[in-house]
Amino acid sequence: MTKPSDTLSEKAVERGSNWLSRAGLRPTRQRVSLASLLVGDGEDRHVTAESLFEASRSAGEKVSLATVYNTLKAFCDAGLMQEITVDGSKSYFDTRIDDHPHFYWDDTAELFDAPADELEIVRLPKAPGGARISKVDVVIRLSRD
């Protein structure tokens, strides 16, 4: 495996590699590079494929937008991230995988975590016959006064 660019710190690369290893994903150069950008500083983040692509280019990595999309999907399939869809078309990818609500700014298209301890869902409608509710995504849209 070739090493990701020198602009990524050794600690970030180590965190990214360990993150992939925990999920049993093969640590290709591109996966390690993207994982290092996502979790290398130990912080949770919300990214779009386009924003991660730009971050990787800024870090000097040579990766295509299609590879970024495919890698984010692989990270989600491996349980490392979750995809949050806003407006049925805009996808964000969250490194925090526990169930929690999100705030979404309509004017800037920014998504961030909302305090889960302040959310109460008292009752959900019954699922139609032959189905079960597998997950509830809560995105609270914000606009400025």
C-alpha atoms as a PDB file:
ATOM      1  CA  MET A   1       0.000   0.000   0.000  1.00  0.00           C
ATOM      2  CA  THR A   2       1.307   3.434  -0.854  1.00  0.00           C
ATOM      3  CA  LYS A   3       1.187   6.080   1.826  1.00  0.00           C
ATOM      4  CA  PRO A   4      -1.360   8.925   1.627  1.00  0.00           C
ATOM      5  CA  SER A   5       0.106  12.345   0.963  1.00  0.00           C
ATOM      6  CA  ASP A   6       2.479  13.983   3.397  1.00  0.00           C
ATOM      7  CA  THR A   7      -0.091  16.694   4.187  1.00  0.00           C
ATOM      8  CA  LEU A   8      -1.986  14.181   6.338  1.00  0.00           C
ATOM      9  CA  SER A   9      -0.402  13.728   9.758  1.00  0.00           C
ATOM     10  CA  GLU A  10       0.939  10.377  10.813  1.00  0.00           C
ATOM     11  CA  LYS A  11      -1.622  10.324  13.657  1.00  0.00           C
ATOM     12  CA  ALA A  12      -4.485  11.023  11.213  1.00  0.00           C
ATOM     13  CA  VAL A  13      -3.337   8.192   8.947  1.00  0.00           C
ATOM     14  CA  GLU A  14      -3.062   5.858  11.933  1.00  0.00           C
ATOM     15  CA  ARG A  15      -6.594   6.752  13.105  1.00  0.00           C
ATOM     16  CA  GLY A  16      -7.964   6.315   9.592  1.00  0.00           C
ATOM     17  CA  SER A  17      -6.240   2.942   9.175  1.00  0.00           C
ATOM     18  CA  ASN A  18      -7.505   1.707  12.548  1.00  0.00           C
ATOM     19  CA  TRP A  19     -11.038   2.852  11.672  1.00  0.00           C
ATOM     20  CA  LEU A  20     -10.933   0.779   8.477  1.00  0.00           C
ATOM     21  CA  SER A  21      -9.400  -2.188  10.281  1.00  0.00           C
ATOM     22  CA  ARG A  22     -12.209  -2.277  12.874  1.00  0.00           C
ATOM     23  CA  ALA A  23     -14.703  -2.719  10.038  1.00  0.00           C
ATOM     24  CA  GLY A  24     -12.580  -5.283   8.207  1.00  0.00           C
ATOM     25  CA  LEU A  25     -12.077  -3.035   5.174  1.00  0.00           C
ATOM     26  CA  ARG A  26      -8.922  -3.423   3.092  1.00  0.00           C
ATOM     27  CA  PRO A  27      -6.732  -0.338   3.660  1.00  0.00           C
ATOM     28  CA  THR A  28      -6.138   0.850   0.086  1.00  0.00           C
ATOM     29  CA  ARG A  29      -4.290   4.151  -0.329  1.00  0.00           C
ATOM     30  CA  GLN A  30      -7.489   5.963  -1.306  1.00  0.00           C
ATOM     31  CA  ARG A  31      -9.527   4.496   1.562  1.00  0.00           C
ATOM     32  CA  VAL A  32      -6.836   5.359   4.097  1.00  0.00           C
ATOM     33  CA  SER A  33      -6.589   8.869   2.697  1.00  0.00           C
ATOM     34  CA  LEU A  34     -10.346   9.485   2.856  1.00  0.00           C
ATOM     35  CA  ALA A  35     -10.663   7.795   6.260  1.00  0.00           C
ATOM     36  CA  SER A  36      -7.835   9.980   7.582  1.00  0.00           C
ATOM     37  CA  LEU A  37      -9.678  13.090   6.435  1.00  0.00           C
ATOM     38  CA  LEU A  38     -12.909  11.855   8.014  1.00  0.00           C
ATOM     39  CA  VAL A  39     -11.710  10.627  11.409  1.00  0.00           C
ATOM     40  CA  GLY A  40      -8.037  11.566  11.597  1.00  0.00           C
ATOM     41  CA  ASP A  41      -8.583  14.358  14.107  1.00  0.00           C
ATOM     42  CA  GLY A  42     -10.884  12.263  16.307  1.00  0.00           C
ATOM     43  CA  GLU A  43     -13.876  14.537  15.651  1.00  0.00           C
ATOM     44  CA  ASP A  44     -17.230  13.491  14.187  1.00  0.00           C
ATOM     45  CA  ARG A  45     -18.203  15.219  10.978  1.00  0.00           C
ATOM     46  CA  HIS A  46     -20.857  15.492   8.310  1.00  0.00           C
ATOM     47  CA  VAL A  47     -19.645  15.586   4.733  1.00  0.00           C
ATOM     48  CA  THR A  48     -21.017  15.428   1.247  1.00  0.00           C
ATOM     49  CA  ALA A  49     -19.146  13.496  -1.412  1.00  0.00           C
ATOM     50  CA  GLU A  50     -18.306  16.822  -3.024  1.00  0.00           C
ATOM     51  CA  SER A  51     -16.926  18.371   0.174  1.00  0.00           C
ATOM     52  CA  LEU A  52     -14.801  15.279   0.889  1.00  0.00           C
ATOM     53  CA  PHE A  53     -13.561  15.320  -2.707  1.00  0.00           C
ATOM     54  CA  GLU A  54     -12.487  18.960  -2.304  1.00  0.00           C
ATOM     55  CA  ALA A  55     -10.820  18.222   1.043  1.00  0.00           C
ATOM     56  CA  SER A  56      -8.893  15.353  -0.511  1.00  0.00           C
ATOM     57  CA  ARG A  57      -7.749  17.539  -3.405  1.00  0.00           C
ATOM     58  CA  SER A  58      -6.661  20.224  -0.935  1.00  0.00           C
ATOM     59  CA  ALA A  59      -4.663  17.564   0.920  1.00  0.00           C
ATOM     60  CA  GLY A  60      -2.897  16.679  -2.336  1.00  0.00           C
ATOM     61  CA  GLU A  61      -4.632  13.344  -2.827  1.00  0.00           C
ATOM     62  CA  LYS A  62      -5.414  12.116  -6.325  1.00  0.00           C
ATOM     63  CA  VAL A  63      -8.881  10.615  -6.089  1.00  0.00           C
ATOM     64  CA  SER A  64     -11.869  10.923  -8.417  1.00  0.00           C
ATOM     65  CA  LEU A  65     -15.312  12.069  -7.329  1.00  0.00           C
ATOM     66  CA  ALA A  66     -16.680   8.657  -8.358  1.00  0.00           C
ATOM     67  CA  THR A  67     -14.149   6.973  -6.058  1.00  0.00           C
ATOM     68  CA  VAL A  68     -15.227   9.252  -3.211  1.00  0.00           C
ATOM     69  CA  TYR A  69     -18.895   8.280  -3.765  1.00  0.00           C
ATOM     70  CA  ASN A  70     -18.020   4.566  -3.944  1.00  0.00           C
ATOM     71  CA  THR A  71     -15.810   4.773  -0.864  1.00  0.00           C
ATOM     72  CA  LEU A  72     -18.460   6.593   1.186  1.00  0.00           C
ATOM     73  CA  LYS A  73     -20.960   3.888   0.198  1.00  0.00           C
ATOM     74  CA  ALA A  74     -18.478   1.185   1.246  1.00  0.00           C
ATOM     75  CA  PHE A  75     -17.938   2.969   4.587  1.00  0.00           C
ATOM     76  CA  CYS A  76     -21.718   3.080   5.137  1.00  0.00           C
ATOM     77  CA  ASP A  77     -22.144  -0.587   4.128  1.00  0.00           C
ATOM     78  CA  ALA A  78     -19.398  -1.513   6.623  1.00  0.00           C
ATOM     79  CA  GLY A  79     -21.199   0.360   9.420  1.00  0.00           C
ATOM     80  CA  LEU A  80     -18.564   3.099   9.754  1.00  0.00           C
ATOM     81  CA  MET A  81     -20.872   5.931   8.686  1.00  0.00           C
ATOM     82  CA  GLN A  82     -24.499   6.661   8.118  1.00  0.00           C
ATOM     83  CA  GLU A  83     -26.085   8.452   5.199  1.00  0.00           C
ATOM     84  CA  ILE A  84     -28.569  11.229   5.913  1.00  0.00           C
ATOM     85  CA  THR A  85     -30.679  12.386   2.993  1.00  0.00           C
ATOM     86  CA  VAL A  86     -32.123  15.892   2.967  1.00  0.00           C
ATOM     87  CA  ASP A  87     -34.778  16.937   0.439  1.00  0.00           C
ATOM     88  CA  GLY A  88     -34.720  13.450  -1.049  1.00  0.00           C
ATOM     89  CA  SER A  89     -31.657  14.260  -3.116  1.00  0.00           C
ATOM     90  CA  LYS A  90     -28.854  15.785  -1.025  1.00  0.00           C
ATOM     91  CA  SER A  91     -26.843  13.159   0.871  1.00  0.00           C
ATOM     92  CA  TYR A  92     -24.644  13.820   3.872  1.00  0.00           C
ATOM     93  CA  PHE A  93     -22.419  11.221   5.442  1.00  0.00           C
ATOM     94  CA  ASP A  94     -22.049  11.190   9.212  1.00  0.00           C
ATOM     95  CA  THR A  95     -19.149   9.568  11.065  1.00  0.00           C
ATOM     96  CA  ARG A  96     -21.266   9.440  14.226  1.00  0.00           C
ATOM     97  CA  ILE A  97     -23.304   6.269  13.820  1.00  0.00           C
ATOM     98  CA  ASP A  98     -25.515   6.209  16.923  1.00  0.00           C
ATOM     99  CA  ASP A  99     -29.140   7.292  16.558  1.00  0.00           C
ATOM    100  CA  HIS A 100     -29.336  11.064  16.927  1.00  0.00           C
ATOM    101  CA  PRO A 101     -31.239  13.978  15.370  1.00  0.00           C
ATOM    102  CA  HIS A 102     -29.777  16.633  13.099  1.00  0.00           C
ATOM    103  CA  PHE A 103     -30.243  20.332  12.465  1.00  0.00           C
ATOM    104  CA  TYR A 104     -30.120  21.471   8.846  1.00  0.00           C
ATOM    105  CA  TRP A 105     -29.670  25.111   7.819  1.00  0.00           C
ATOM    106  CA  ASP A 106     -31.799  25.738   4.723  1.00  0.00           C
ATOM    107  CA  ASP A 107     -29.776  28.773   3.606  1.00  0.00           C
ATOM    108  CA  THR A 108     -26.261  27.280   3.897  1.00  0.00           C
ATOM    109  CA  ALA A 109     -27.069  23.570   3.425  1.00  0.00           C
ATOM    110  CA  GLU A 110     -25.119  22.737   6.613  1.00  0.00           C
ATOM    111  CA  LEU A 111     -26.011  19.671   8.648  1.00  0.00           C
ATOM    112  CA  PHE A 112     -24.959  19.215  12.262  1.00  0.00           C
ATOM    113  CA  ASP A 113     -25.911  17.165  15.306  1.00  0.00           C
ATOM    114  CA  ALA A 114     -28.855  18.216  17.431  1.00  0.00           C
ATOM    115  CA  PRO A 115     -28.981  17.300  21.129  1.00  0.00           C
ATOM    116  CA  ALA A 116     -30.511  13.831  21.330  1.00  0.00           C
ATOM    117  CA  ASP A 117     -31.432  14.224  24.988  1.00  0.00           C
ATOM    118  CA  GLU A 118     -33.827  17.045  24.070  1.00  0.00           C
ATOM    119  CA  LEU A 119     -35.770  15.000  21.508  1.00  0.00           C
ATOM    120  CA  GLU A 120     -38.834  13.023  22.524  1.00  0.00           C
ATOM    121  CA  ILE A 121     -40.750  10.876  20.098  1.00  0.00           C
ATOM    122  CA  VAL A 122     -43.827   9.793  21.966  1.00  0.00           C
ATOM    123  CA  ARG A 123     -45.520   7.637  19.362  1.00  0.00           C
ATOM    124  CA  LEU A 124     -44.939   6.476  15.807  1.00  0.00           C
ATOM    125  CA  PRO A 125     -47.626   5.374  13.387  1.00  0.00           C
ATOM    126  CA  LYS A 126     -47.970   1.625  12.929  1.00  0.00           C
ATOM    127  CA  ALA A 127     -46.036   0.214  10.026  1.00  0.00           C
ATOM    128  CA  PRO A 128     -48.144  -1.219   7.203  1.00  0.00           C
ATOM    129  CA  GLY A 129     -48.773  -4.961   7.210  1.00  0.00           C
ATOM    130  CA  GLY A 130     -45.692  -7.030   6.452  1.00  0.00           C
ATOM    131  CA  ALA A 131     -43.320  -4.203   7.389  1.00  0.00           C
ATOM    132  CA  ARG A 132     -41.459  -3.048  10.467  1.00  0.00           C
ATOM    133  CA  ILE A 133     -39.949   0.324  11.276  1.00  0.00           C
ATOM    134  CA  SER A 134     -36.195  -0.117  11.015  1.00  0.00           C
ATOM    135  CA  LYS A 135     -35.066   3.429  11.729  1.00  0.00           C
ATOM    136  CA  VAL A 136     -36.372   6.946  12.243  1.00  0.00           C
ATOM    137  CA  ASP A 137     -34.299   9.820  10.880  1.00  0.00           C
ATOM    138  CA  VAL A 138     -34.977  13.243  12.377  1.00  0.00           C
ATOM    139  CA  VAL A 139     -33.767  16.295  10.457  1.00  0.00           C
ATOM    140  CA  ILE A 140     -34.901  19.600  11.941  1.00  0.00           C
ATOM    141  CA  ARG A 141     -34.741  22.335   9.331  1.00  0.00           C
ATOM    142  CA  LEU A 142     -33.632  25.794  10.401  1.00  0.00           C
ATOM    143  CA  SER A 143     -34.060  29.186   8.790  1.00  0.00           C
ATOM    144  CA  ARG A 144     -32.769  32.531   9.976  1.00  0.00           C
ATOM    145  CA  ASP A 145     -35.139  35.142  11.400  1.00  0.00           C
END
